[in-house]
Amino acid sequence: MKTTRHAFCFKGHYETHKEVVLQQVSGFKAVARLEDVSKKSVTEVFAHNKSIVCRDPAIAKITSTIFIGVNDPTQKYNINTLCSNEEIQKQFAQIAEDLNIDIGDHRSNATKEGPSQKPQDCVFCRFLSGHPDHYQPSMYETENFVMMANTGHFTPGSLLIIPRKHIMSCAELNKEQLAELLEVIDDCKYLLREIYGMDTLLWENGSGCGGHGKDKSSIVHAHIHMNPCDMDVLTVSENKGITPQKIQYYDLPKYQEESYLLIQDYDLQWYIVSDPNLYIPRQYVRQLVAEHIGLPGDLWNWRKYLFLDEVTKTTNTIKDYLVSHQNTLPERIVARTKHFT
């Protein structure tokens, strides 16, 4: 799993060159620029799960520090400023990648205001409208939701629950829709437990604020992940410095303005992380699951690895189970999967 909470200190002969670099790299969402380096300021940045960028070598006395040269090729890591701002960003991003450090997306690649994605450009909306380029069988449907296998997931039985309406998070659902969603979740958990013999980890990365501020390549249409898993997600996440807080399910609409991470643990309680100052890595829970099962490298990254064989396998496994258990399945599941079987 990529790490956070590091310190980058830039060294060079010219303050103006270092300033150019600092202006560009401080635009990454998982870093914070420090001018006043102290134990307190370093602790505050790390508490928000971010790394530090600065030019004060005194930081090395406080925490482990990665020194980066500015126009100094004698350094192990070096950034050349005789190029565009975009290229400076790329150089820093490559250094972080080589060190397996998560610096987040750059704000220049994020939407500035308004909805970050129109329905006609949304992959889920195109799927729901039957667009042939985005065809994938839905296995379970209700008035407001569909369920399908999760493209890009690396474990059998991984599902997505998708609202039909183009909303940024499930916090935008009204009380009746939230009640319907609970039925969908219960039915999906029933199927996964019967087929895979495991409890289900559930989470949602809510976009909030109309989705603006998100990276332009992100899928902001609300969706819930369901994954058969035996990981103690609350303890694991707390050990990473990201501690979910317990909430009441029907209080979820209170969080619709901000991005959040929502988790339902195996104890059937609901937990949320909603702090605009806290950096939650992209695909965070996917990374936790990948680390838990020992998946190497960045195979957790759905942008690189679609795992279409797992999608097909999960789809066929659930269909076979539904067909062979028609006489014993709960009536609600039979009715909502009839189109699929």
C-alpha atoms as a PDB file:
ATOM      1  CA  MET A   1       0.000   0.000   0.000  1.00  0.00           C
ATOM      2  CA  LYS A   2       1.224   3.485  -0.811  1.00  0.00           C
ATOM      3  CA  THR A   3       2.295   5.484   2.231  1.00  0.00           C
ATOM      4  CA  THR A   4       1.734   9.058   3.427  1.00  0.00           C
ATOM      5  CA  ARG A   5       3.197  11.245   6.199  1.00  0.00           C
ATOM      6  CA  HIS A   6       6.631  11.907   4.686  1.00  0.00           C
ATOM      7  CA  ALA A   7       8.743  15.065   4.520  1.00  0.00           C
ATOM      8  CA  PHE A   8      10.252  16.396   1.285  1.00  0.00           C
ATOM      9  CA  CYS A   9      12.868  19.124   1.604  1.00  0.00           C
ATOM     10  CA  PHE A  10      14.039  20.974  -1.510  1.00  0.00           C
ATOM     11  CA  LYS A  11      17.697  22.010  -1.806  1.00  0.00           C
ATOM     12  CA  GLY A  12      19.149  24.399  -4.340  1.00  0.00           C
ATOM     13  CA  HIS A  13      21.366  27.440  -4.821  1.00  0.00           C
ATOM     14  CA  TYR A  14      18.554  29.800  -5.779  1.00  0.00           C
ATOM     15  CA  GLU A  15      15.540  30.582  -3.619  1.00  0.00           C
ATOM     16  CA  THR A  16      13.509  31.604  -6.669  1.00  0.00           C
ATOM     17  CA  HIS A  17      13.966  28.150  -8.221  1.00  0.00           C
ATOM     18  CA  LYS A  18      12.907  26.415  -5.005  1.00  0.00           C
ATOM     19  CA  GLU A  19       9.888  28.695  -4.793  1.00  0.00           C
ATOM     20  CA  VAL A  20       8.773  27.677  -8.280  1.00  0.00           C
ATOM     21  CA  VAL A  21       8.935  24.019  -7.286  1.00  0.00           C
ATOM     22  CA  LEU A  22       7.166  24.547  -3.976  1.00  0.00           C
ATOM     23  CA  GLN A  23       4.326  26.398  -5.670  1.00  0.00           C
ATOM     24  CA  GLN A  24       3.741  23.485  -8.012  1.00  0.00           C
ATOM     25  CA  VAL A  25       4.161  20.526  -5.655  1.00  0.00           C
ATOM     26  CA  SER A  26       2.027  22.096  -2.912  1.00  0.00           C
ATOM     27  CA  GLY A  27      -0.883  21.687  -5.318  1.00  0.00           C
ATOM     28  CA  PHE A  28      -0.985  17.939  -4.708  1.00  0.00           C
ATOM     29  CA  LYS A  29      -3.853  17.081  -2.367  1.00  0.00           C
ATOM     30  CA  ALA A  30      -1.858  14.861  -0.019  1.00  0.00           C
ATOM     31  CA  VAL A  31       0.923  17.348   0.710  1.00  0.00           C
ATOM     32  CA  ALA A  32       1.074  20.515   2.783  1.00  0.00           C
ATOM     33  CA  ARG A  33       3.652  23.272   2.511  1.00  0.00           C
ATOM     34  CA  LEU A  34       5.417  24.349   5.681  1.00  0.00           C
ATOM     35  CA  GLU A  35       7.327  27.576   6.107  1.00  0.00           C
ATOM     36  CA  ASP A  36       7.451  27.456   9.902  1.00  0.00           C
ATOM     37  CA  VAL A  37       8.950  24.031  10.606  1.00  0.00           C
ATOM     38  CA  SER A  38       8.374  22.835  14.154  1.00  0.00           C
ATOM     39  CA  LYS A  39       7.418  19.633  15.890  1.00  0.00           C
ATOM     40  CA  LYS A  40       3.899  20.970  16.345  1.00  0.00           C
ATOM     41  CA  SER A  41       3.421  21.952  12.687  1.00  0.00           C
ATOM     42  CA  VAL A  42       4.800  18.616  11.486  1.00  0.00           C
ATOM     43  CA  THR A  43       2.481  16.721  13.834  1.00  0.00           C
ATOM     44  CA  GLU A  44      -0.526  18.699  12.587  1.00  0.00           C
ATOM     45  CA  VAL A  45       0.213  17.852   8.947  1.00  0.00           C
ATOM     46  CA  PHE A  46       0.746  14.179   9.717  1.00  0.00           C
ATOM     47  CA  ALA A  47      -2.522  14.130  11.693  1.00  0.00           C
ATOM     48  CA  HIS A  48      -4.273  14.972   8.409  1.00  0.00           C
ATOM     49  CA  ASN A  49      -2.580  12.012   6.670  1.00  0.00           C
ATOM     50  CA  LYS A  50      -0.491  14.275   4.448  1.00  0.00           C
ATOM     51  CA  SER A  51       3.165  14.717   3.612  1.00  0.00           C
ATOM     52  CA  ILE A  52       5.219  17.881   4.026  1.00  0.00           C
ATOM     53  CA  VAL A  53       7.025  19.952   1.406  1.00  0.00           C
ATOM     54  CA  CYS A  54       9.442  22.644   2.562  1.00  0.00           C
ATOM     55  CA  ARG A  55      12.859  24.222   2.045  1.00  0.00           C
ATOM     56  CA  ASP A  56      14.021  24.222   5.678  1.00  0.00           C
ATOM     57  CA  PRO A  57      16.630  21.470   6.289  1.00  0.00           C
ATOM     58  CA  ALA A  58      15.883  21.717  10.027  1.00  0.00           C
ATOM     59  CA  ILE A  59      12.948  19.416   9.377  1.00  0.00           C
ATOM     60  CA  ALA A  60      15.421  16.533   9.256  1.00  0.00           C
ATOM     61  CA  LYS A  61      15.890  16.993  13.009  1.00  0.00           C
ATOM     62  CA  ILE A  62      12.167  16.381  13.547  1.00  0.00           C
ATOM     63  CA  THR A  63      11.276  13.591  11.141  1.00  0.00           C
ATOM     64  CA  SER A  64      12.760  11.401   8.458  1.00  0.00           C
ATOM     65  CA  THR A  65      13.292  13.585   5.416  1.00  0.00           C
ATOM     66  CA  ILE A  66      13.704  13.030   1.681  1.00  0.00           C
ATOM     67  CA  PHE A  67      15.969  15.693   0.170  1.00  0.00           C
ATOM     68  CA  ILE A  68      15.303  16.693  -3.432  1.00  0.00           C
ATOM     69  CA  GLY A  69      17.670  18.854  -5.430  1.00  0.00           C
ATOM     70  CA  VAL A  70      16.407  21.752  -7.509  1.00  0.00           C
ATOM     71  CA  ASN A  71      18.469  22.039 -10.682  1.00  0.00           C
ATOM     72  CA  ASP A  72      21.124  19.938  -8.975  1.00  0.00           C
ATOM     73  CA  PRO A  73      21.750  16.641 -10.808  1.00  0.00           C
ATOM     74  CA  THR A  74      24.294  15.592  -8.188  1.00  0.00           C
ATOM     75  CA  GLN A  75      21.378  14.780  -5.874  1.00  0.00           C
ATOM     76  CA  LYS A  76      19.780  11.327  -5.972  1.00  0.00           C
ATOM     77  CA  TYR A  77      16.444  13.030  -6.595  1.00  0.00           C
ATOM     78  CA  ASN A  78      16.368  16.216  -8.638  1.00  0.00           C
ATOM     79  CA  ILE A  79      13.775  18.488 -10.224  1.00  0.00           C
ATOM     80  CA  ASN A  80      14.630  20.600 -13.230  1.00  0.00           C
ATOM     81  CA  THR A  81      12.733  23.903 -13.304  1.00  0.00           C
ATOM     82  CA  LEU A  82      13.697  24.770 -16.892  1.00  0.00           C
ATOM     83  CA  CYS A  83      10.394  23.379 -18.144  1.00  0.00           C
ATOM     84  CA  SER A  84       6.647  23.891 -17.835  1.00  0.00           C
ATOM     85  CA  ASN A  85       4.772  23.825 -14.547  1.00  0.00           C
ATOM     86  CA  GLU A  86       3.085  20.625 -15.659  1.00  0.00           C
ATOM     87  CA  GLU A  87       6.476  18.993 -16.205  1.00  0.00           C
ATOM     88  CA  ILE A  88       7.633  20.045 -12.732  1.00  0.00           C
ATOM     89  CA  GLN A  89       4.543  18.373 -11.311  1.00  0.00           C
ATOM     90  CA  LYS A  90       5.288  15.219 -13.300  1.00  0.00           C
ATOM     91  CA  GLN A  91       8.882  15.100 -12.045  1.00  0.00           C
ATOM     92  CA  PHE A  92       7.749  15.302  -8.426  1.00  0.00           C
ATOM     93  CA  ALA A  93       4.981  12.757  -9.016  1.00  0.00           C
ATOM     94  CA  GLN A  94       7.520  10.326 -10.480  1.00  0.00           C
ATOM     95  CA  ILE A  95       9.826  10.709  -7.477  1.00  0.00           C
ATOM     96  CA  ALA A  96       6.873   9.984  -5.168  1.00  0.00           C
ATOM     97  CA  GLU A  97       5.880   6.994  -7.293  1.00  0.00           C
ATOM     98  CA  ASP A  98       9.413   5.592  -7.159  1.00  0.00           C
ATOM     99  CA  LEU A  99       9.268   5.898  -3.368  1.00  0.00           C
ATOM    100  CA  ASN A 100       5.746   4.386  -3.213  1.00  0.00           C
ATOM    101  CA  ILE A 101       4.414   7.563  -1.603  1.00  0.00           C
ATOM    102  CA  ASP A 102       0.859   8.761  -2.147  1.00  0.00           C
ATOM    103  CA  ILE A 103       0.792  12.492  -2.854  1.00  0.00           C
ATOM    104  CA  GLY A 104      -2.760  12.528  -4.198  1.00  0.00           C
ATOM    105  CA  ASP A 105      -4.128  14.120  -7.333  1.00  0.00           C
ATOM    106  CA  HIS A 106      -3.012  17.586  -8.341  1.00  0.00           C
ATOM    107  CA  ARG A 107      -5.622  20.293  -7.990  1.00  0.00           C
ATOM    108  CA  SER A 108      -4.976  21.460 -11.549  1.00  0.00           C
ATOM    109  CA  ASN A 109      -6.515  18.169 -12.712  1.00  0.00           C
ATOM    110  CA  ALA A 110      -9.644  18.656 -10.591  1.00  0.00           C
ATOM    111  CA  THR A 111     -12.930  20.249 -11.545  1.00  0.00           C
ATOM    112  CA  LYS A 112     -13.242  23.762 -10.209  1.00  0.00           C
ATOM    113  CA  GLU A 113     -16.969  24.290  -9.724  1.00  0.00           C
ATOM    114  CA  GLY A 114     -20.352  22.866 -10.571  1.00  0.00           C
ATOM    115  CA  PRO A 115     -21.025  19.195 -11.296  1.00  0.00           C
ATOM    116  CA  SER A 116     -17.789  17.473 -12.219  1.00  0.00           C
ATOM    117  CA  GLN A 117     -19.499  15.153 -14.659  1.00  0.00           C
ATOM    118  CA  LYS A 118     -22.673  15.410 -16.702  1.00  0.00           C
ATOM    119  CA  PRO A 119     -24.925  12.331 -16.943  1.00  0.00           C
ATOM    120  CA  GLN A 120     -24.168  11.914 -20.641  1.00  0.00           C
ATOM    121  CA  ASP A 121     -20.466  11.615 -19.784  1.00  0.00           C
ATOM    122  CA  CYS A 122     -20.938   9.339 -16.763  1.00  0.00           C
ATOM    123  CA  VAL A 123     -19.981   5.696 -17.243  1.00  0.00           C
ATOM    124  CA  PHE A 124     -22.707   4.515 -14.856  1.00  0.00           C
ATOM    125  CA  CYS A 125     -25.413   6.630 -16.495  1.00  0.00           C
ATOM    126  CA  ARG A 126     -24.359   5.267 -19.873  1.00  0.00           C
ATOM    127  CA  PHE A 127     -24.537   1.754 -18.479  1.00  0.00           C
ATOM    128  CA  LEU A 128     -27.986   2.388 -16.991  1.00  0.00           C
ATOM    129  CA  SER A 129     -29.233   3.785 -20.302  1.00  0.00           C
ATOM    130  CA  GLY A 130     -28.155   0.609 -22.115  1.00  0.00           C
ATOM    131  CA  HIS A 131     -25.262   2.171 -24.042  1.00  0.00           C
ATOM    132  CA  PRO A 132     -23.552  -0.695 -25.926  1.00  0.00           C
ATOM    133  CA  ASP A 133     -20.047   0.520 -25.058  1.00  0.00           C
ATOM    134  CA  HIS A 134     -20.824   0.109 -21.378  1.00  0.00           C
ATOM    135  CA  TYR A 135     -22.853  -3.077 -21.337  1.00  0.00           C
ATOM    136  CA  GLN A 136     -22.651  -5.266 -18.274  1.00  0.00           C
ATOM    137  CA  PRO A 137     -25.498  -7.406 -16.941  1.00  0.00           C
ATOM    138  CA  SER A 138     -27.331  -6.108 -13.911  1.00  0.00           C
ATOM    139  CA  MET A 139     -28.143  -9.006 -11.611  1.00  0.00           C
ATOM    140  CA  TYR A 140     -30.619  -7.344  -9.265  1.00  0.00           C
ATOM    141  CA  GLU A 141     -32.876  -4.347  -9.831  1.00  0.00           C
ATOM    142  CA  THR A 142     -35.312  -2.188  -7.889  1.00  0.00           C
ATOM    143  CA  GLU A 143     -37.054   1.063  -8.662  1.00  0.00           C
ATOM    144  CA  ASN A 144     -34.050   3.132  -7.612  1.00  0.00           C
ATOM    145  CA  PHE A 145     -31.032   0.779  -7.664  1.00  0.00           C
ATOM    146  CA  VAL A 146     -29.222  -1.846  -9.692  1.00  0.00           C
ATOM    147  CA  MET A 147     -26.545  -4.329  -8.631  1.00  0.00           C
ATOM    148  CA  MET A 148     -23.765  -5.737 -10.800  1.00  0.00           C
ATOM    149  CA  ALA A 149     -20.322  -7.303 -10.500  1.00  0.00           C
ATOM    150  CA  ASN A 150     -17.556  -4.840  -9.730  1.00  0.00           C
ATOM    151  CA  THR A 151     -15.214  -4.177 -12.636  1.00  0.00           C
ATOM    152  CA  GLY A 152     -11.631  -3.879 -11.453  1.00  0.00           C
ATOM    153  CA  HIS A 153     -11.985  -5.887  -8.283  1.00  0.00           C
ATOM    154  CA  PHE A 154      -9.600  -8.722  -7.577  1.00  0.00           C
ATOM    155  CA  THR A 155     -11.643 -10.972  -5.277  1.00  0.00           C
ATOM    156  CA  PRO A 156     -14.637 -13.177  -6.177  1.00  0.00           C
ATOM    157  CA  GLY A 157     -18.057 -11.878  -5.225  1.00  0.00           C
ATOM    158  CA  SER A 158     -17.294  -8.153  -5.365  1.00  0.00           C
ATOM    159  CA  LEU A 159     -20.429  -6.167  -6.211  1.00  0.00           C
ATOM    160  CA  LEU A 160     -21.557  -2.607  -6.843  1.00  0.00           C
ATOM    161  CA  ILE A 161     -24.915  -1.126  -5.873  1.00  0.00           C
ATOM    162  CA  ILE A 162     -25.648   1.881  -8.093  1.00  0.00           C
ATOM    163  CA  PRO A 163     -28.471   4.421  -7.713  1.00  0.00           C
ATOM    164  CA  ARG A 164     -30.300   4.992 -10.982  1.00  0.00           C
ATOM    165  CA  LYS A 165     -30.295   8.751 -10.387  1.00  0.00           C
ATOM    166  CA  HIS A 166     -27.098  10.662 -11.135  1.00  0.00           C
ATOM    167  CA  ILE A 167     -26.223  11.709  -7.600  1.00  0.00           C
ATOM    168  CA  MET A 168     -22.804  12.261  -6.035  1.00  0.00           C
ATOM    169  CA  SER A 169     -23.354  10.203  -2.875  1.00  0.00           C
ATOM    170  CA  CYS A 170     -25.961   8.088  -1.141  1.00  0.00           C
ATOM    171  CA  ALA A 171     -26.264  10.942   1.352  1.00  0.00           C
ATOM    172  CA  GLU A 172     -28.461  12.613  -1.284  1.00  0.00           C
ATOM    173  CA  LEU A 173     -31.085   9.869  -1.002  1.00  0.00           C
ATOM    174  CA  ASN A 174     -34.353  10.633   0.788  1.00  0.00           C
ATOM    175  CA  LYS A 175     -35.667   8.546   3.670  1.00  0.00           C
ATOM    176  CA  GLU A 176     -37.742   6.242   1.454  1.00  0.00           C
ATOM    177  CA  GLN A 177     -34.813   5.633  -0.883  1.00  0.00           C
ATOM    178  CA  LEU A 178     -32.505   4.956   2.059  1.00  0.00           C
ATOM    179  CA  ALA A 179     -34.986   2.364   3.320  1.00  0.00           C
ATOM    180  CA  GLU A 180     -35.042   0.754  -0.131  1.00  0.00           C
ATOM    181  CA  LEU A 181     -31.243   0.748  -0.197  1.00  0.00           C
ATOM    182  CA  LEU A 182     -31.189  -1.172   3.080  1.00  0.00           C
ATOM    183  CA  GLU A 183     -33.343  -3.871   1.455  1.00  0.00           C
ATOM    184  CA  VAL A 184     -30.922  -4.069  -1.477  1.00  0.00           C
ATOM    185  CA  ILE A 185     -27.961  -4.338   0.875  1.00  0.00           C
ATOM    186  CA  ASP A 186     -29.642  -7.062   2.931  1.00  0.00           C
ATOM    187  CA  ASP A 187     -30.472  -9.093  -0.191  1.00  0.00           C
ATOM    188  CA  CYS A 188     -26.964  -8.750  -1.618  1.00  0.00           C
ATOM    189  CA  LYS A 189     -25.435  -9.755   1.705  1.00  0.00           C
ATOM    190  CA  TYR A 190     -27.730 -12.780   1.812  1.00  0.00           C
ATOM    191  CA  LEU A 191     -26.522 -13.907  -1.610  1.00  0.00           C
ATOM    192  CA  LEU A 192     -22.850 -13.326  -0.851  1.00  0.00           C
ATOM    193  CA  ARG A 193     -23.070 -15.143   2.466  1.00  0.00           C
ATOM    194  CA  GLU A 194     -24.866 -18.129   0.925  1.00  0.00           C
ATOM    195  CA  ILE A 195     -22.498 -18.357  -2.056  1.00  0.00           C
ATOM    196  CA  TYR A 196     -19.132 -17.421  -0.567  1.00  0.00           C
ATOM    197  CA  GLY A 197     -19.670 -18.277   3.094  1.00  0.00           C
ATOM    198  CA  MET A 198     -18.274 -14.958   4.340  1.00  0.00           C
ATOM    199  CA  ASP A 199     -19.524 -11.755   5.886  1.00  0.00           C
ATOM    200  CA  THR A 200     -19.586  -8.691   3.666  1.00  0.00           C
ATOM    201  CA  LEU A 201     -17.537  -5.525   3.942  1.00  0.00           C
ATOM    202  CA  LEU A 202     -19.465  -2.549   2.598  1.00  0.00           C
ATOM    203  CA  TRP A 203     -18.223   0.941   1.819  1.00  0.00           C
ATOM    204  CA  GLU A 204     -18.973   4.055  -0.189  1.00  0.00           C
ATOM    205  CA  ASN A 205     -16.728   6.934  -1.232  1.00  0.00           C
ATOM    206  CA  GLY A 206     -19.185   9.816  -1.334  1.00  0.00           C
ATOM    207  CA  SER A 207     -18.156  12.701  -3.581  1.00  0.00           C
ATOM    208  CA  GLY A 208     -20.286  15.502  -2.169  1.00  0.00           C
ATOM    209  CA  CYS A 209     -20.517  19.128  -3.314  1.00  0.00           C
ATOM    210  CA  GLY A 210     -21.772  18.176  -6.749  1.00  0.00           C
ATOM    211  CA  GLY A 211     -18.553  16.265  -7.280  1.00  0.00           C
ATOM    212  CA  HIS A 212     -16.449  19.355  -7.975  1.00  0.00           C
ATOM    213  CA  GLY A 213     -12.919  19.275  -6.693  1.00  0.00           C
ATOM    214  CA  LYS A 214     -12.611  15.635  -7.714  1.00  0.00           C
ATOM    215  CA  ASP A 215     -10.067  14.500 -10.280  1.00  0.00           C
ATOM    216  CA  LYS A 216     -11.564  14.698 -13.761  1.00  0.00           C
ATOM    217  CA  SER A 217     -11.020  10.966 -14.294  1.00  0.00           C
ATOM    218  CA  SER A 218     -12.951   9.969 -11.166  1.00  0.00           C
ATOM    219  CA  ILE A 219     -16.341   8.253 -11.241  1.00  0.00           C
ATOM    220  CA  VAL A 220     -18.468  10.548  -9.096  1.00  0.00           C
ATOM    221  CA  HIS A 221     -21.851   8.857  -9.632  1.00  0.00           C
ATOM    222  CA  ALA A 222     -22.673   7.319  -6.253  1.00  0.00           C
ATOM    223  CA  HIS A 223     -21.946   3.614  -5.819  1.00  0.00           C
ATOM    224  CA  ILE A 224     -21.583   1.214  -2.920  1.00  0.00           C
ATOM    225  CA  HIS A 225     -18.950  -1.517  -2.835  1.00  0.00           C
ATOM    226  CA  MET A 226     -19.765  -4.912  -1.342  1.00  0.00           C
ATOM    227  CA  ASN A 227     -16.953  -7.390  -0.865  1.00  0.00           C
ATOM    228  CA  PRO A 228     -16.816 -10.778   0.887  1.00  0.00           C
ATOM    229  CA  CYS A 229     -13.958 -10.252   3.314  1.00  0.00           C
ATOM    230  CA  ASP A 230     -12.810 -11.098   6.832  1.00  0.00           C
ATOM    231  CA  MET A 231     -10.635  -8.018   7.393  1.00  0.00           C
ATOM    232  CA  ASP A 232     -11.085  -5.995  10.592  1.00  0.00           C
ATOM    233  CA  VAL A 233     -11.433  -2.798   8.599  1.00  0.00           C
ATOM    234  CA  LEU A 234     -11.986  -0.477  11.565  1.00  0.00           C
ATOM    235  CA  THR A 235      -8.828  -1.575  13.381  1.00  0.00           C
ATOM    236  CA  VAL A 236      -6.770  -1.677  10.184  1.00  0.00           C
ATOM    237  CA  SER A 237      -7.900   1.798   9.167  1.00  0.00           C
ATOM    238  CA  GLU A 238      -7.313   3.210  12.639  1.00  0.00           C
ATOM    239  CA  ASN A 239      -3.773   1.827  12.514  1.00  0.00           C
ATOM    240  CA  LYS A 240      -3.314   3.788   9.276  1.00  0.00           C
ATOM    241  CA  GLY A 241      -4.363   6.968  11.080  1.00  0.00           C
ATOM    242  CA  ILE A 242      -7.865   7.187   9.581  1.00  0.00           C
ATOM    243  CA  THR A 243     -10.476   6.525  12.271  1.00  0.00           C
ATOM    244  CA  PRO A 244     -14.135   6.131  11.232  1.00  0.00           C
ATOM    245  CA  GLN A 245     -16.769   7.430  13.643  1.00  0.00           C
ATOM    246  CA  LYS A 246     -20.053   5.638  14.362  1.00  0.00           C
ATOM    247  CA  ILE A 247     -23.221   7.250  12.972  1.00  0.00           C
ATOM    248  CA  GLN A 248     -26.893   6.411  12.631  1.00  0.00           C
ATOM    249  CA  TYR A 249     -27.767   5.248   9.119  1.00  0.00           C
ATOM    250  CA  TYR A 250     -30.639   7.693   8.616  1.00  0.00           C
ATOM    251  CA  ASP A 251     -28.365  10.584   9.598  1.00  0.00           C
ATOM    252  CA  LEU A 252     -26.368  10.059   6.405  1.00  0.00           C
ATOM    253  CA  PRO A 253     -27.997  13.013   4.548  1.00  0.00           C
ATOM    254  CA  LYS A 254     -26.226  15.344   6.993  1.00  0.00           C
ATOM    255  CA  TYR A 255     -22.979  14.559   5.153  1.00  0.00           C
ATOM    256  CA  GLN A 256     -24.038  15.221   1.565  1.00  0.00           C
ATOM    257  CA  GLU A 257     -22.082  18.471   1.197  1.00  0.00           C
ATOM    258  CA  GLU A 258     -18.666  16.925   1.836  1.00  0.00           C
ATOM    259  CA  SER A 259     -16.680  13.994   0.534  1.00  0.00           C
ATOM    260  CA  TYR A 260     -16.747  11.060   2.927  1.00  0.00           C
ATOM    261  CA  LEU A 261     -15.905   7.406   3.436  1.00  0.00           C
ATOM    262  CA  LEU A 262     -18.857   5.357   4.674  1.00  0.00           C
ATOM    263  CA  ILE A 263     -18.384   1.841   6.061  1.00  0.00           C
ATOM    264  CA  GLN A 264     -20.774  -0.784   7.331  1.00  0.00           C
ATOM    265  CA  ASP A 265     -18.764  -3.201   9.400  1.00  0.00           C
ATOM    266  CA  TYR A 266     -19.592  -6.826  10.164  1.00  0.00           C
ATOM    267  CA  ASP A 267     -21.283  -5.704  13.394  1.00  0.00           C
ATOM    268  CA  LEU A 268     -23.916  -4.041  11.135  1.00  0.00           C
ATOM    269  CA  GLN A 269     -23.045  -0.629  12.549  1.00  0.00           C
ATOM    270  CA  TRP A 270     -22.364   2.346  10.302  1.00  0.00           C
ATOM    271  CA  TYR A 271     -19.165   4.403  10.433  1.00  0.00           C
ATOM    272  CA  ILE A 272     -18.027   7.493   8.559  1.00  0.00           C
ATOM    273  CA  VAL A 273     -14.898   9.541   7.908  1.00  0.00           C
ATOM    274  CA  SER A 274     -15.885  13.076   6.948  1.00  0.00           C
ATOM    275  CA  ASP A 275     -13.174  15.687   7.456  1.00  0.00           C
ATOM    276  CA  PRO A 276     -12.356  18.019   4.539  1.00  0.00           C
ATOM    277  CA  ASN A 277      -8.839  18.482   5.913  1.00  0.00           C
ATOM    278  CA  LEU A 278      -8.078  14.757   6.118  1.00  0.00           C
ATOM    279  CA  TYR A 279      -6.572  13.065   3.088  1.00  0.00           C
ATOM    280  CA  ILE A 280      -8.245   9.749   2.274  1.00  0.00           C
ATOM    281  CA  PRO A 281      -6.293   7.984  -0.470  1.00  0.00           C
ATOM    282  CA  ARG A 282      -7.909   7.051  -3.729  1.00  0.00           C
ATOM    283  CA  GLN A 283      -9.289   3.512  -3.660  1.00  0.00           C
ATOM    284  CA  TYR A 284      -8.430   3.446   0.034  1.00  0.00           C
ATOM    285  CA  VAL A 285     -10.463   0.431   1.159  1.00  0.00           C
ATOM    286  CA  ARG A 286      -9.475  -1.463  -1.989  1.00  0.00           C
ATOM    287  CA  GLN A 287      -5.852  -0.919  -0.971  1.00  0.00           C
ATOM    288  CA  LEU A 288      -6.587  -2.160   2.555  1.00  0.00           C
ATOM    289  CA  VAL A 289      -8.232  -5.317   1.182  1.00  0.00           C
ATOM    290  CA  ALA A 290      -5.367  -5.880  -1.271  1.00  0.00           C
ATOM    291  CA  GLU A 291      -2.831  -5.554   1.530  1.00  0.00           C
ATOM    292  CA  HIS A 292      -4.906  -7.892   3.715  1.00  0.00           C
ATOM    293  CA  ILE A 293      -4.921 -10.689   1.122  1.00  0.00           C
ATOM    294  CA  GLY A 294      -1.312 -10.110   0.053  1.00  0.00           C
ATOM    295  CA  LEU A 295      -2.013  -8.780  -3.446  1.00  0.00           C
ATOM    296  CA  PRO A 296       1.316  -7.476  -4.790  1.00  0.00           C
ATOM    297  CA  GLY A 297       2.131  -4.126  -6.331  1.00  0.00           C
ATOM    298  CA  ASP A 298      -0.693  -1.870  -7.464  1.00  0.00           C
ATOM    299  CA  LEU A 299      -3.019  -4.591  -8.726  1.00  0.00           C
ATOM    300  CA  TRP A 300      -5.665  -2.905  -6.559  1.00  0.00           C
ATOM    301  CA  ASN A 301      -5.793  -0.012  -9.046  1.00  0.00           C
ATOM    302  CA  TRP A 302      -8.875  -0.464 -11.226  1.00  0.00           C
ATOM    303  CA  ARG A 303      -7.626   2.195 -13.621  1.00  0.00           C
ATOM    304  CA  LYS A 304      -4.817  -0.161 -14.596  1.00  0.00           C
ATOM    305  CA  TYR A 305      -6.283  -3.604 -13.954  1.00  0.00           C
ATOM    306  CA  LEU A 306      -9.917  -4.370 -14.825  1.00  0.00           C
ATOM    307  CA  PHE A 307      -9.940  -8.037 -13.712  1.00  0.00           C
ATOM    308  CA  LEU A 308     -12.637  -8.784 -16.251  1.00  0.00           C
ATOM    309  CA  ASP A 309     -12.188 -12.505 -15.624  1.00  0.00           C
ATOM    310  CA  GLU A 310     -13.316 -11.970 -12.019  1.00  0.00           C
ATOM    311  CA  VAL A 311     -16.297  -9.939 -13.247  1.00  0.00           C
ATOM    312  CA  THR A 312     -17.398 -12.797 -15.493  1.00  0.00           C
ATOM    313  CA  LYS A 313     -16.729 -15.378 -12.808  1.00  0.00           C
ATOM    314  CA  THR A 314     -18.751 -13.515 -10.182  1.00  0.00           C
ATOM    315  CA  THR A 315     -21.615 -12.871 -12.608  1.00  0.00           C
ATOM    316  CA  ASN A 316     -21.822 -16.524 -13.653  1.00  0.00           C
ATOM    317  CA  THR A 317     -21.478 -17.825 -10.091  1.00  0.00           C
ATOM    318  CA  ILE A 318     -24.356 -15.678  -8.840  1.00  0.00           C
ATOM    319  CA  LYS A 319     -26.522 -16.544 -11.839  1.00  0.00           C
ATOM    320  CA  ASP A 320     -25.944 -20.284 -11.339  1.00  0.00           C
ATOM    321  CA  TYR A 321     -26.882 -19.955  -7.681  1.00  0.00           C
ATOM    322  CA  LEU A 322     -30.044 -17.983  -8.438  1.00  0.00           C
ATOM    323  CA  VAL A 323     -31.176 -20.493 -11.063  1.00  0.00           C
ATOM    324  CA  SER A 324     -30.486 -23.547  -8.924  1.00  0.00           C
ATOM    325  CA  HIS A 325     -32.113 -22.126  -5.763  1.00  0.00           C
ATOM    326  CA  GLN A 326     -35.296 -20.588  -7.188  1.00  0.00           C
ATOM    327  CA  ASN A 327     -37.462 -22.687  -4.878  1.00  0.00           C
ATOM    328  CA  THR A 328     -35.669 -21.709  -1.673  1.00  0.00           C
ATOM    329  CA  LEU A 329     -34.706 -18.075  -2.270  1.00  0.00           C
ATOM    330  CA  PRO A 330     -36.608 -15.297  -0.470  1.00  0.00           C
ATOM    331  CA  GLU A 331     -39.466 -14.058  -2.671  1.00  0.00           C
ATOM    332  CA  ARG A 332     -38.094 -10.531  -2.814  1.00  0.00           C
ATOM    333  CA  ILE A 333     -34.790 -11.721  -4.266  1.00  0.00           C
ATOM    334  CA  VAL A 334     -36.578 -13.924  -6.808  1.00  0.00           C
ATOM    335  CA  ALA A 335     -38.692 -10.990  -7.970  1.00  0.00           C
ATOM    336  CA  ARG A 336     -35.780  -8.561  -8.218  1.00  0.00           C
ATOM    337  CA  THR A 337     -33.500 -10.959 -10.100  1.00  0.00           C
ATOM    338  CA  LYS A 338     -36.112 -12.399 -12.469  1.00  0.00           C
ATOM    339  CA  HIS A 339     -34.800 -10.365 -15.423  1.00  0.00           C
ATOM    340  CA  PHE A 340     -31.359 -11.900 -14.909  1.00  0.00           C
ATOM    341  CA  THR A 341     -32.302 -15.550 -14.503  1.00  0.00           C
END
